[in-house]
Amino acid sequence: MNHYGALAWQHWQRARTRELATISDPHRFFTDLGEQVAADVQRRSQALETPTGQDYLANLRMLTQARATAESEVLRELIFTDPQEQTETPAPKPAHPGG
């Protein structure tokens, strides 16, 4: 399980105990969710990347900001969700084809 899966599990232990209790295999669920979050963060950060030219530090700032923005968005959407807004436990999408 990656750090996103562990983060989600910790959050659900504090904020979504009722939903967590209904998951038959939490380790698998949060492993899959963590992989989905990582893939989504990677995909979104790449979509936000816009090289600024030859300036190394400007490019580094842009890459760091793109990653932070993507991570913030995905975490809000997939991990730090409001249990009141959801009627059922979300099932993570496979992180890779065939999985």
PDB file of N, CA and C in Angstrom:
ATOM      1  N   MET A   1       0.858  -1.179   0.000  1.00  0.00           N
ATOM      2  CA  MET A   1       0.000   0.000   0.000  1.00  0.00           C
ATOM      3  C   MET A   1       0.901   1.238   0.000  1.00  0.00           C
ATOM      4  N   ASN A   2       0.594   2.178  -0.888  1.00  0.00           N
ATOM      5  CA  ASN A   2       1.388   3.399  -0.957  1.00  0.00           C
ATOM      6  C   ASN A   2       0.916   4.417   0.090  1.00  0.00           C
ATOM      7  N   HIS A   3       1.580   5.571   0.138  1.00  0.00           N
ATOM      8  CA  HIS A   3       1.255   6.550   1.173  1.00  0.00           C
ATOM      9  C   HIS A   3      -0.143   7.145   0.994  1.00  0.00           C
ATOM     10  N   TYR A   4      -0.658   7.188  -0.229  1.00  0.00           N
ATOM     11  CA  TYR A   4      -2.015   7.690  -0.436  1.00  0.00           C
ATOM     12  C   TYR A   4      -3.042   6.727   0.151  1.00  0.00           C
ATOM     13  N   GLY A   5      -2.821   5.435  -0.030  1.00  0.00           N
ATOM     14  CA  GLY A   5      -3.716   4.444   0.554  1.00  0.00           C
ATOM     15  C   GLY A   5      -3.695   4.504   2.067  1.00  0.00           C
ATOM     16  N   ALA A   6      -2.505   4.633   2.641  1.00  0.00           N
ATOM     17  CA  ALA A   6      -2.386   4.735   4.101  1.00  0.00           C
ATOM     18  C   ALA A   6      -3.056   6.015   4.612  1.00  0.00           C
ATOM     19  N   LEU A   7      -2.881   7.094   3.899  1.00  0.00           N
ATOM     20  CA  LEU A   7      -3.518   8.358   4.267  1.00  0.00           C
ATOM     21  C   LEU A   7      -5.037   8.227   4.247  1.00  0.00           C
ATOM     22  N   ALA A   8      -5.553   7.577   3.210  1.00  0.00           N
ATOM     23  CA  ALA A   8      -6.996   7.378   3.102  1.00  0.00           C
ATOM     24  C   ALA A   8      -7.505   6.515   4.251  1.00  0.00           C
ATOM     25  N   TRP A   9      -6.798   5.443   4.549  1.00  0.00           N
ATOM     26  CA  TRP A   9      -7.223   4.546   5.631  1.00  0.00           C
ATOM     27  C   TRP A   9      -7.260   5.305   6.960  1.00  0.00           C
ATOM     28  N   GLN A  10      -6.238   6.080   7.226  1.00  0.00           N
ATOM     29  CA  GLN A  10      -6.210   6.871   8.466  1.00  0.00           C
ATOM     30  C   GLN A  10      -7.376   7.850   8.520  1.00  0.00           C
ATOM     31  N   HIS A  11      -7.650   8.498   7.403  1.00  0.00           N
ATOM     32  CA  HIS A  11      -8.758   9.452   7.357  1.00  0.00           C
ATOM     33  C   HIS A  11     -10.085   8.745   7.613  1.00  0.00           C
ATOM     34  N   TRP A  12     -10.289   7.617   6.959  1.00  0.00           N
ATOM     35  CA  TRP A  12     -11.544   6.885   7.132  1.00  0.00           C
ATOM     36  C   TRP A  12     -11.680   6.358   8.557  1.00  0.00           C
ATOM     37  N   GLN A  13     -10.583   6.007   9.213  1.00  0.00           N
ATOM     38  CA  GLN A  13     -10.643   5.550  10.601  1.00  0.00           C
ATOM     39  C   GLN A  13     -11.143   6.664  11.521  1.00  0.00           C
ATOM     40  N   ARG A  14     -10.840   7.900  11.191  1.00  0.00           N
ATOM     41  CA  ARG A  14     -11.268   9.039  12.012  1.00  0.00           C
ATOM     42  C   ARG A  14     -12.625   9.591  11.584  1.00  0.00           C
ATOM     43  N   ALA A  15     -12.847   9.707  10.286  1.00  0.00           N
ATOM     44  CA  ALA A  15     -13.997  10.470   9.797  1.00  0.00           C
ATOM     45  C   ALA A  15     -15.099   9.634   9.157  1.00  0.00           C
ATOM     46  N   ARG A  16     -14.795   8.409   8.773  1.00  0.00           N
ATOM     47  CA  ARG A  16     -15.783   7.607   8.040  1.00  0.00           C
ATOM     48  C   ARG A  16     -15.838   6.184   8.595  1.00  0.00           C
ATOM     49  N   THR A  17     -15.930   6.084   9.903  1.00  0.00           N
ATOM     50  CA  THR A  17     -15.886   4.779  10.557  1.00  0.00           C
ATOM     51  C   THR A  17     -17.019   3.866  10.114  1.00  0.00           C
ATOM     52  N   ARG A  18     -18.179   4.413   9.891  1.00  0.00           N
ATOM     53  CA  ARG A  18     -19.323   3.600   9.471  1.00  0.00           C
ATOM     54  C   ARG A  18     -19.064   2.955   8.106  1.00  0.00           C
ATOM     55  N   GLU A  19     -18.579   3.748   7.148  1.00  0.00           N
ATOM     56  CA  GLU A  19     -18.283   3.220   5.827  1.00  0.00           C
ATOM     57  C   GLU A  19     -17.127   2.225   5.871  1.00  0.00           C
ATOM     58  N   LEU A  20     -16.116   2.532   6.683  1.00  0.00           N
ATOM     59  CA  LEU A  20     -14.959   1.653   6.807  1.00  0.00           C
ATOM     60  C   LEU A  20     -15.382   0.278   7.312  1.00  0.00           C
ATOM     61  N   ALA A  21     -16.317   0.241   8.230  1.00  0.00           N
ATOM     62  CA  ALA A  21     -16.780  -1.032   8.797  1.00  0.00           C
ATOM     63  C   ALA A  21     -17.468  -1.922   7.765  1.00  0.00           C
ATOM     64  N   THR A  22     -17.943  -1.342   6.677  1.00  0.00           N
ATOM     65  CA  THR A  22     -18.651  -2.132   5.667  1.00  0.00           C
ATOM     66  C   THR A  22     -17.720  -2.713   4.595  1.00  0.00           C
ATOM     67  N   ILE A  23     -16.454  -2.351   4.611  1.00  0.00           N
ATOM     68  CA  ILE A  23     -15.499  -2.825   3.599  1.00  0.00           C
ATOM     69  C   ILE A  23     -14.968  -4.188   4.027  1.00  0.00           C
ATOM     70  N   SER A  24     -15.183  -5.196   3.188  1.00  0.00           N
ATOM     71  CA  SER A  24     -14.805  -6.566   3.556  1.00  0.00           C
ATOM     72  C   SER A  24     -13.288  -6.777   3.563  1.00  0.00           C
ATOM     73  N   ASP A  25     -12.557  -6.117   2.679  1.00  0.00           N
ATOM     74  CA  ASP A  25     -11.101  -6.255   2.624  1.00  0.00           C
ATOM     75  C   ASP A  25     -10.475  -4.861   2.570  1.00  0.00           C
ATOM     76  N   PRO A  26     -10.357  -4.212   3.731  1.00  0.00           N
ATOM     77  CA  PRO A  26      -9.840  -2.841   3.741  1.00  0.00           C
ATOM     78  C   PRO A  26      -8.434  -2.714   3.147  1.00  0.00           C
ATOM     79  N   HIS A  27      -7.581  -3.687   3.398  1.00  0.00           N
ATOM     80  CA  HIS A  27      -6.219  -3.587   2.865  1.00  0.00           C
ATOM     81  C   HIS A  27      -6.251  -3.520   1.341  1.00  0.00           C
ATOM     82  N   ARG A  28      -7.007  -4.372   0.694  1.00  0.00           N
ATOM     83  CA  ARG A  28      -7.122  -4.362  -0.765  1.00  0.00           C
ATOM     84  C   ARG A  28      -7.774  -3.067  -1.240  1.00  0.00           C
ATOM     85  N   PHE A  29      -8.852  -2.648  -0.563  1.00  0.00           N
ATOM     86  CA  PHE A  29      -9.574  -1.440  -0.945  1.00  0.00           C
ATOM     87  C   PHE A  29      -8.649  -0.228  -0.929  1.00  0.00           C
ATOM     88  N   PHE A  30      -7.905  -0.058   0.176  1.00  0.00           N
ATOM     89  CA  PHE A  30      -7.053   1.126   0.289  1.00  0.00           C
ATOM     90  C   PHE A  30      -5.780   1.005  -0.539  1.00  0.00           C
ATOM     91  N   THR A  31      -5.338  -0.206  -0.813  1.00  0.00           N
ATOM     92  CA  THR A  31      -4.228  -0.386  -1.750  1.00  0.00           C
ATOM     93  C   THR A  31      -4.660   0.067  -3.137  1.00  0.00           C
ATOM     94  N   ASP A  32      -5.842  -0.391  -3.568  1.00  0.00           N
ATOM     95  CA  ASP A  32      -6.360   0.004  -4.885  1.00  0.00           C
ATOM     96  C   ASP A  32      -6.630   1.506  -4.950  1.00  0.00           C
ATOM     97  N   LEU A  33      -7.220   2.051  -3.893  1.00  0.00           N
ATOM     98  CA  LEU A  33      -7.507   3.481  -3.860  1.00  0.00           C
ATOM     99  C   LEU A  33      -6.209   4.286  -3.927  1.00  0.00           C
ATOM    100  N   GLY A  34      -5.192   3.867  -3.190  1.00  0.00           N
ATOM    101  CA  GLY A  34      -3.900   4.546  -3.227  1.00  0.00           C
ATOM    102  C   GLY A  34      -3.274   4.532  -4.607  1.00  0.00           C
ATOM    103  N   GLU A  35      -3.379   3.397  -5.301  1.00  0.00           N
ATOM    104  CA  GLU A  35      -2.846   3.297  -6.660  1.00  0.00           C
ATOM    105  C   GLU A  35      -3.618   4.202  -7.614  1.00  0.00           C
ATOM    106  N   GLN A  36      -4.927   4.263  -7.425  1.00  0.00           N
ATOM    107  CA  GLN A  36      -5.745   5.141  -8.268  1.00  0.00           C
ATOM    108  C   GLN A  36      -5.369   6.605  -8.032  1.00  0.00           C
ATOM    109  N   VAL A  37      -5.208   6.992  -6.776  1.00  0.00           N
ATOM    110  CA  VAL A  37      -4.832   8.371  -6.460  1.00  0.00           C
ATOM    111  C   VAL A  37      -3.481   8.700  -7.087  1.00  0.00           C
ATOM    112  N   ALA A  38      -2.505   7.814  -6.933  1.00  0.00           N
ATOM    113  CA  ALA A  38      -1.173   8.063  -7.503  1.00  0.00           C
ATOM    114  C   ALA A  38      -1.240   8.235  -9.014  1.00  0.00           C
ATOM    115  N   ALA A  39      -2.002   7.377  -9.674  1.00  0.00           N
ATOM    116  CA  ALA A  39      -2.123   7.468 -11.132  1.00  0.00           C
ATOM    117  C   ALA A  39      -2.815   8.759 -11.545  1.00  0.00           C
ATOM    118  N   ASP A  40      -3.871   9.127 -10.822  1.00  0.00           N
ATOM    119  CA  ASP A  40      -4.590  10.367 -11.143  1.00  0.00           C
ATOM    120  C   ASP A  40      -3.723  11.599 -10.898  1.00  0.00           C
ATOM    121  N   VAL A  41      -2.955  11.598  -9.810  1.00  0.00           N
ATOM    122  CA  VAL A  41      -2.059  12.729  -9.529  1.00  0.00           C
ATOM    123  C   VAL A  41      -1.027  12.853 -10.650  1.00  0.00           C
ATOM    124  N   GLN A  42      -0.455  11.741 -11.060  1.00  0.00           N
ATOM    125  CA  GLN A  42       0.547  11.758 -12.139  1.00  0.00           C
ATOM    126  C   GLN A  42      -0.062  12.293 -13.431  1.00  0.00           C
ATOM    127  N   ARG A  43      -1.229  11.770 -13.788  1.00  0.00           N
ATOM    128  CA  ARG A  43      -1.889  12.183 -15.036  1.00  0.00           C
ATOM    129  C   ARG A  43      -2.222  13.668 -15.004  1.00  0.00           C
ATOM    130  N   ARG A  44      -2.796  14.133 -13.906  1.00  0.00           N
ATOM    131  CA  ARG A  44      -3.181  15.549 -13.823  1.00  0.00           C
ATOM    132  C   ARG A  44      -1.975  16.468 -13.763  1.00  0.00           C
ATOM    133  N   SER A  45      -0.948  16.064 -13.038  1.00  0.00           N
ATOM    134  CA  SER A  45       0.222  16.949 -12.959  1.00  0.00           C
ATOM    135  C   SER A  45       0.881  17.069 -14.330  1.00  0.00           C
ATOM    136  N   GLN A  46       0.920  15.990 -15.098  1.00  0.00           N
ATOM    137  CA  GLN A  46       1.478  16.069 -16.448  1.00  0.00           C
ATOM    138  C   GLN A  46       0.638  16.980 -17.335  1.00  0.00           C
ATOM    139  N   ALA A  47      -0.677  16.955 -17.156  1.00  0.00           N
ATOM    140  CA  ALA A  47      -1.558  17.813 -17.949  1.00  0.00           C
ATOM    141  C   ALA A  47      -1.357  19.288 -17.604  1.00  0.00           C
ATOM    142  N   LEU A  48      -0.947  19.566 -16.365  1.00  0.00           N
ATOM    143  CA  LEU A  48      -0.742  20.952 -15.927  1.00  0.00           C
ATOM    144  C   LEU A  48       0.650  21.485 -16.248  1.00  0.00           C
ATOM    145  N   GLU A  49       1.557  20.603 -16.602  1.00  0.00           N
ATOM    146  CA  GLU A  49       2.939  21.019 -16.860  1.00  0.00           C
ATOM    147  C   GLU A  49       3.026  21.834 -18.144  1.00  0.00           C
ATOM    148  N   THR A  50       3.592  23.005 -18.016  1.00  0.00           N
ATOM    149  CA  THR A  50       3.828  23.874 -19.170  1.00  0.00           C
ATOM    150  C   THR A  50       5.237  24.446 -19.037  1.00  0.00           C
ATOM    151  N   PRO A  51       6.216  23.822 -19.690  1.00  0.00           N
ATOM    152  CA  PRO A  51       7.600  24.291 -19.574  1.00  0.00           C
ATOM    153  C   PRO A  51       7.716  25.783 -19.884  1.00  0.00           C
ATOM    154  N   THR A  52       8.537  26.458 -19.109  1.00  0.00           N
ATOM    155  CA  THR A  52       8.664  27.906 -19.232  1.00  0.00           C
ATOM    156  C   THR A  52       9.886  28.324 -20.031  1.00  0.00           C
ATOM    157  N   GLY A  53      10.571  27.377 -20.593  1.00  0.00           N
ATOM    158  CA  GLY A  53      11.767  27.720 -21.364  1.00  0.00           C
ATOM    159  C   GLY A  53      12.989  27.043 -20.790  1.00  0.00           C
ATOM    160  N   GLN A  54      14.117  27.721 -20.856  1.00  0.00           N
ATOM    161  CA  GLN A  54      15.383  27.119 -20.452  1.00  0.00           C
ATOM    162  C   GLN A  54      15.743  27.386 -19.003  1.00  0.00           C
ATOM    163  N   ASP A  55      14.974  28.196 -18.301  1.00  0.00           N
ATOM    164  CA  ASP A  55      15.276  28.537 -16.911  1.00  0.00           C
ATOM    165  C   ASP A  55      14.945  27.354 -16.003  1.00  0.00           C
ATOM    166  N   TYR A  56      15.985  26.712 -15.483  1.00  0.00           N
ATOM    167  CA  TYR A  56      15.820  25.516 -14.665  1.00  0.00           C
ATOM    168  C   TYR A  56      14.931  25.768 -13.451  1.00  0.00           C
ATOM    169  N   LEU A  57      15.196  26.840 -12.712  1.00  0.00           N
ATOM    170  CA  LEU A  57      14.426  27.109 -11.498  1.00  0.00           C
ATOM    171  C   LEU A  57      12.961  27.422 -11.798  1.00  0.00           C
ATOM    172  N   ALA A  58      12.703  28.130 -12.871  1.00  0.00           N
ATOM    173  CA  ALA A  58      11.312  28.408 -13.250  1.00  0.00           C
ATOM    174  C   ALA A  58      10.596  27.118 -13.616  1.00  0.00           C
ATOM    175  N   ASN A  59      11.282  26.236 -14.346  1.00  0.00           N
ATOM    176  CA  ASN A  59      10.686  24.946 -14.689  1.00  0.00           C
ATOM    177  C   ASN A  59      10.449  24.098 -13.443  1.00  0.00           C
ATOM    178  N   LEU A  60      11.389  24.121 -12.524  1.00  0.00           N
ATOM    179  CA  LEU A  60      11.236  23.366 -11.286  1.00  0.00           C
ATOM    180  C   LEU A  60      10.036  23.876 -10.483  1.00  0.00           C
ATOM    181  N   ARG A  61       9.896  25.198 -10.396  1.00  0.00           N
ATOM    182  CA  ARG A  61       8.733  25.780  -9.696  1.00  0.00           C
ATOM    183  C   ARG A  61       7.434  25.367 -10.370  1.00  0.00           C
ATOM    184  N   MET A  62       7.405  25.398 -11.687  1.00  0.00           N
ATOM    185  CA  MET A  62       6.206  25.023 -12.424  1.00  0.00           C
ATOM    186  C   MET A  62       5.859  23.555 -12.178  1.00  0.00           C
ATOM    187  N   LEU A  63       6.850  22.677 -12.232  1.00  0.00           N
ATOM    188  CA  LEU A  63       6.612  21.256 -11.998  1.00  0.00           C
ATOM    189  C   LEU A  63       6.124  20.992 -10.572  1.00  0.00           C
ATOM    190  N   THR A  64       6.731  21.675  -9.619  1.00  0.00           N
ATOM    191  CA  THR A  64       6.327  21.524  -8.221  1.00  0.00           C
ATOM    192  C   THR A  64       4.908  22.013  -8.018  1.00  0.00           C
ATOM    193  N   GLN A  65       4.566  23.139  -8.606  1.00  0.00           N
ATOM    194  CA  GLN A  65       3.218  23.683  -8.480  1.00  0.00           C
ATOM    195  C   GLN A  65       2.188  22.795  -9.171  1.00  0.00           C
ATOM    196  N   ALA A  66       2.534  22.266 -10.343  1.00  0.00           N
ATOM    197  CA  ALA A  66       1.613  21.370 -11.058  1.00  0.00           C
ATOM    198  C   ALA A  66       1.336  20.128 -10.220  1.00  0.00           C
ATOM    199  N   ARG A  67       2.363  19.570  -9.624  1.00  0.00           N
ATOM    200  CA  ARG A  67       2.209  18.373  -8.781  1.00  0.00           C
ATOM    201  C   ARG A  67       1.357  18.686  -7.549  1.00  0.00           C
ATOM    202  N   ALA A  68       1.625  19.807  -6.896  1.00  0.00           N
ATOM    203  CA  ALA A  68       0.866  20.185  -5.695  1.00  0.00           C
ATOM    204  C   ALA A  68      -0.604  20.428  -6.019  1.00  0.00           C
ATOM    205  N   THR A  69      -0.860  21.087  -7.123  1.00  0.00           N
ATOM    206  CA  THR A  69      -2.238  21.362  -7.533  1.00  0.00           C
ATOM    207  C   THR A  69      -2.966  20.061  -7.840  1.00  0.00           C
ATOM    208  N   ALA A  70      -2.335  19.199  -8.612  1.00  0.00           N
ATOM    209  CA  ALA A  70      -2.950  17.920  -8.976  1.00  0.00           C
ATOM    210  C   ALA A  70      -3.214  17.078  -7.732  1.00  0.00           C
ATOM    211  N   GLU A  71      -2.244  17.006  -6.849  1.00  0.00           N
ATOM    212  CA  GLU A  71      -2.402  16.212  -5.630  1.00  0.00           C
ATOM    213  C   GLU A  71      -3.534  16.747  -4.763  1.00  0.00           C
ATOM    214  N   SER A  72      -3.603  18.042  -4.604  1.00  0.00           N
ATOM    215  CA  SER A  72      -4.665  18.660  -3.808  1.00  0.00           C
ATOM    216  C   SER A  72      -6.042  18.334  -4.374  1.00  0.00           C
ATOM    217  N   GLU A  73      -6.183  18.452  -5.683  1.00  0.00           N
ATOM    218  CA  GLU A  73      -7.471  18.173  -6.327  1.00  0.00           C
ATOM    219  C   GLU A  73      -7.879  16.709  -6.152  1.00  0.00           C
ATOM    220  N   VAL A  74      -6.954  15.806  -6.420  1.00  0.00           N
ATOM    221  CA  VAL A  74      -7.267  14.379  -6.353  1.00  0.00           C
ATOM    222  C   VAL A  74      -7.557  13.948  -4.913  1.00  0.00           C
ATOM    223  N   LEU A  75      -6.792  14.442  -3.963  1.00  0.00           N
ATOM    224  CA  LEU A  75      -7.043  14.089  -2.564  1.00  0.00           C
ATOM    225  C   LEU A  75      -8.432  14.545  -2.125  1.00  0.00           C
ATOM    226  N   ARG A  76      -8.809  15.756  -2.525  1.00  0.00           N
ATOM    227  CA  ARG A  76     -10.158  16.246  -2.180  1.00  0.00           C
ATOM    228  C   ARG A  76     -11.242  15.381  -2.806  1.00  0.00           C
ATOM    229  N   GLU A  77     -11.028  14.949  -4.037  1.00  0.00           N
ATOM    230  CA  GLU A  77     -12.045  14.182  -4.761  1.00  0.00           C
ATOM    231  C   GLU A  77     -12.142  12.728  -4.320  1.00  0.00           C
ATOM    232  N   LEU A  78     -11.010  12.100  -3.990  1.00  0.00           N
ATOM    233  CA  LEU A  78     -11.015  10.663  -3.754  1.00  0.00           C
ATOM    234  C   LEU A  78     -10.784  10.237  -2.308  1.00  0.00           C
ATOM    235  N   ILE A  79     -10.148  11.069  -1.513  1.00  0.00           N
ATOM    236  CA  ILE A  79      -9.850  10.655  -0.136  1.00  0.00           C
ATOM    237  C   ILE A  79     -10.616  11.485   0.882  1.00  0.00           C
ATOM    238  N   PHE A  80     -10.484  12.787   0.820  1.00  0.00           N
ATOM    239  CA  PHE A  80     -11.103  13.635   1.830  1.00  0.00           C
ATOM    240  C   PHE A  80     -12.508  14.035   1.412  1.00  0.00           C
ATOM    241  N   THR A  81     -13.317  13.036   1.144  1.00  0.00           N
ATOM    242  CA  THR A  81     -14.695  13.266   0.732  1.00  0.00           C
ATOM    243  C   THR A  81     -15.585  13.379   1.950  1.00  0.00           C
ATOM    244  N   ASP A  82     -16.682  14.067   1.788  1.00  0.00           N
ATOM    245  CA  ASP A  82     -17.651  14.230   2.864  1.00  0.00           C
ATOM    246  C   ASP A  82     -18.598  13.033   2.848  1.00  0.00           C
ATOM    247  N   PRO A  83     -18.665  12.263   3.925  1.00  0.00           N
ATOM    248  CA  PRO A  83     -19.551  11.093   3.920  1.00  0.00           C
ATOM    249  C   PRO A  83     -21.012  11.466   3.727  1.00  0.00           C
ATOM    250  N   GLN A  84     -21.389  12.682   4.035  1.00  0.00           N
ATOM    251  CA  GLN A  84     -22.767  13.125   3.851  1.00  0.00           C
ATOM    252  C   GLN A  84     -23.121  13.258   2.380  1.00  0.00           C
ATOM    253  N   GLU A  85     -22.136  13.507   1.536  1.00  0.00           N
ATOM    254  CA  GLU A  85     -22.369  13.721   0.107  1.00  0.00           C
ATOM    255  C   GLU A  85     -22.453  12.421  -0.671  1.00  0.00           C
ATOM    256  N   GLN A  86     -22.052  11.314  -0.067  1.00  0.00           N
ATOM    257  CA  GLN A  86     -22.017  10.049  -0.784  1.00  0.00           C
ATOM    258  C   GLN A  86     -23.046   9.091  -0.201  1.00  0.00           C
ATOM    259  N   THR A  87     -23.722   8.381  -1.071  1.00  0.00           N
ATOM    260  CA  THR A  87     -24.733   7.435  -0.617  1.00  0.00           C
ATOM    261  C   THR A  87     -24.180   6.028  -0.513  1.00  0.00           C
ATOM    262  N   GLU A  88     -23.024   5.777  -1.142  1.00  0.00           N
ATOM    263  CA  GLU A  88     -22.405   4.464  -1.060  1.00  0.00           C
ATOM    264  C   GLU A  88     -20.900   4.613  -1.078  1.00  0.00           C
ATOM    265  N   THR A  89     -20.206   3.582  -0.632  1.00  0.00           N
ATOM    266  CA  THR A  89     -18.756   3.593  -0.600  1.00  0.00           C
ATOM    267  C   THR A  89     -18.215   3.564  -2.021  1.00  0.00           C
ATOM    268  N   PRO A  90     -17.338   4.530  -2.388  1.00  0.00           N
ATOM    269  CA  PRO A  90     -16.797   4.532  -3.750  1.00  0.00           C
ATOM    270  C   PRO A  90     -15.830   3.374  -3.941  1.00  0.00           C
ATOM    271  N   ALA A  91     -15.932   2.722  -5.064  1.00  0.00           N
ATOM    272  CA  ALA A  91     -14.997   1.650  -5.397  1.00  0.00           C
ATOM    273  C   ALA A  91     -13.900   2.233  -6.269  1.00  0.00           C
ATOM    274  N   PRO A  92     -12.642   2.023  -5.896  1.00  0.00           N
ATOM    275  CA  PRO A  92     -11.556   2.555  -6.713  1.00  0.00           C
ATOM    276  C   PRO A  92     -11.551   1.937  -8.098  1.00  0.00           C
ATOM    277  N   LYS A  93     -11.235   2.765  -9.089  1.00  0.00           N
ATOM    278  CA  LYS A  93     -11.070   2.254 -10.453  1.00  0.00           C
ATOM    279  C   LYS A  93      -9.706   1.568 -10.528  1.00  0.00           C
ATOM    280  N   PRO A  94      -9.576   0.564 -11.394  1.00  0.00           N
ATOM    281  CA  PRO A  94      -8.256  -0.067 -11.535  1.00  0.00           C
ATOM    282  C   PRO A  94      -7.230   0.959 -11.967  1.00  0.00           C
ATOM    283  N   ALA A  95      -6.026   0.880 -11.400  1.00  0.00           N
ATOM    284  CA  ALA A  95      -4.963   1.835 -11.719  1.00  0.00           C
ATOM    285  C   ALA A  95      -4.301   1.526 -13.052  1.00  0.00           C
ATOM    286  N   HIS A  96      -4.461   0.321 -13.545  1.00  0.00           N
ATOM    287  CA  HIS A  96      -3.834  -0.055 -14.798  1.00  0.00           C
ATOM    288  C   HIS A  96      -4.790  -0.960 -15.572  1.00  0.00           C
ATOM    289  N   PRO A  97      -4.641  -1.016 -16.881  1.00  0.00           N
ATOM    290  CA  PRO A  97      -5.541  -1.851 -17.690  1.00  0.00           C
ATOM    291  C   PRO A  97      -5.485  -3.304 -17.256  1.00  0.00           C
ATOM    292  N   GLY A  98      -6.648  -3.910 -17.200  1.00  0.00           N
ATOM    293  CA  GLY A  98      -6.737  -5.321 -16.864  1.00  0.00           C
ATOM    294  C   GLY A  98      -6.627  -5.613 -15.392  1.00  0.00           C
ATOM    295  N   GLY A  99      -6.520  -4.551 -14.544  1.00  0.00           N
ATOM    296  CA  GLY A  99      -6.303  -4.772 -13.128  1.00  0.00           C
ATOM    297  C   GLY A  99      -7.407  -4.393 -12.266  1.00  0.00           C
TER     298      GLY A  99
END
